[in-house]
């Protein structure tokens, strides 16, 4: 963990800070309620260990919302989203990327079989997302090698 935070602090001036809105947070919550056929989040808490369930869904979606803000383009189809099944994979200029969002203080969780480059984001707070950048990894050890880091500012709307 200390190594990860140390590496992140080295690129601190290149981190893009994105503020997502309460409306964005509400989209996540509403999509969960709709999918689970619930009336309110209290029912979710009672039925599905709500905080852990919400956090798992939030981590899948929040980084993509942050990228929507950077790209100034809608990526998530809120009308048809199924949060439990949602895969945070986006395509930019013909290349697919896995969007990984971790909660500040936690290490990123990367699927063992992942072969895609990663767009790494960190949820500093519920509404504040740090877009770290793109990590082109061939193995897990290179996750901490930020020499493979590509500045998130290189992604523009024209790439989609």
Foldseek 3Di string as FASTA:
>chain_A
DVLQVVLLVVCVVLKDKAFADVVVVVLLQVLQCVLVVHDHLVVCCVPPVRVVVSVVLLQQPVQVSRVCVQQVHDDDDSVDDNSVPDFQWDDWQRAIEGEGEEEPPDDTDDDQPDQGWYFYWYCPDSRMIIGRAIARDPHDVCVSVCVRGDRPNVDYNVRD
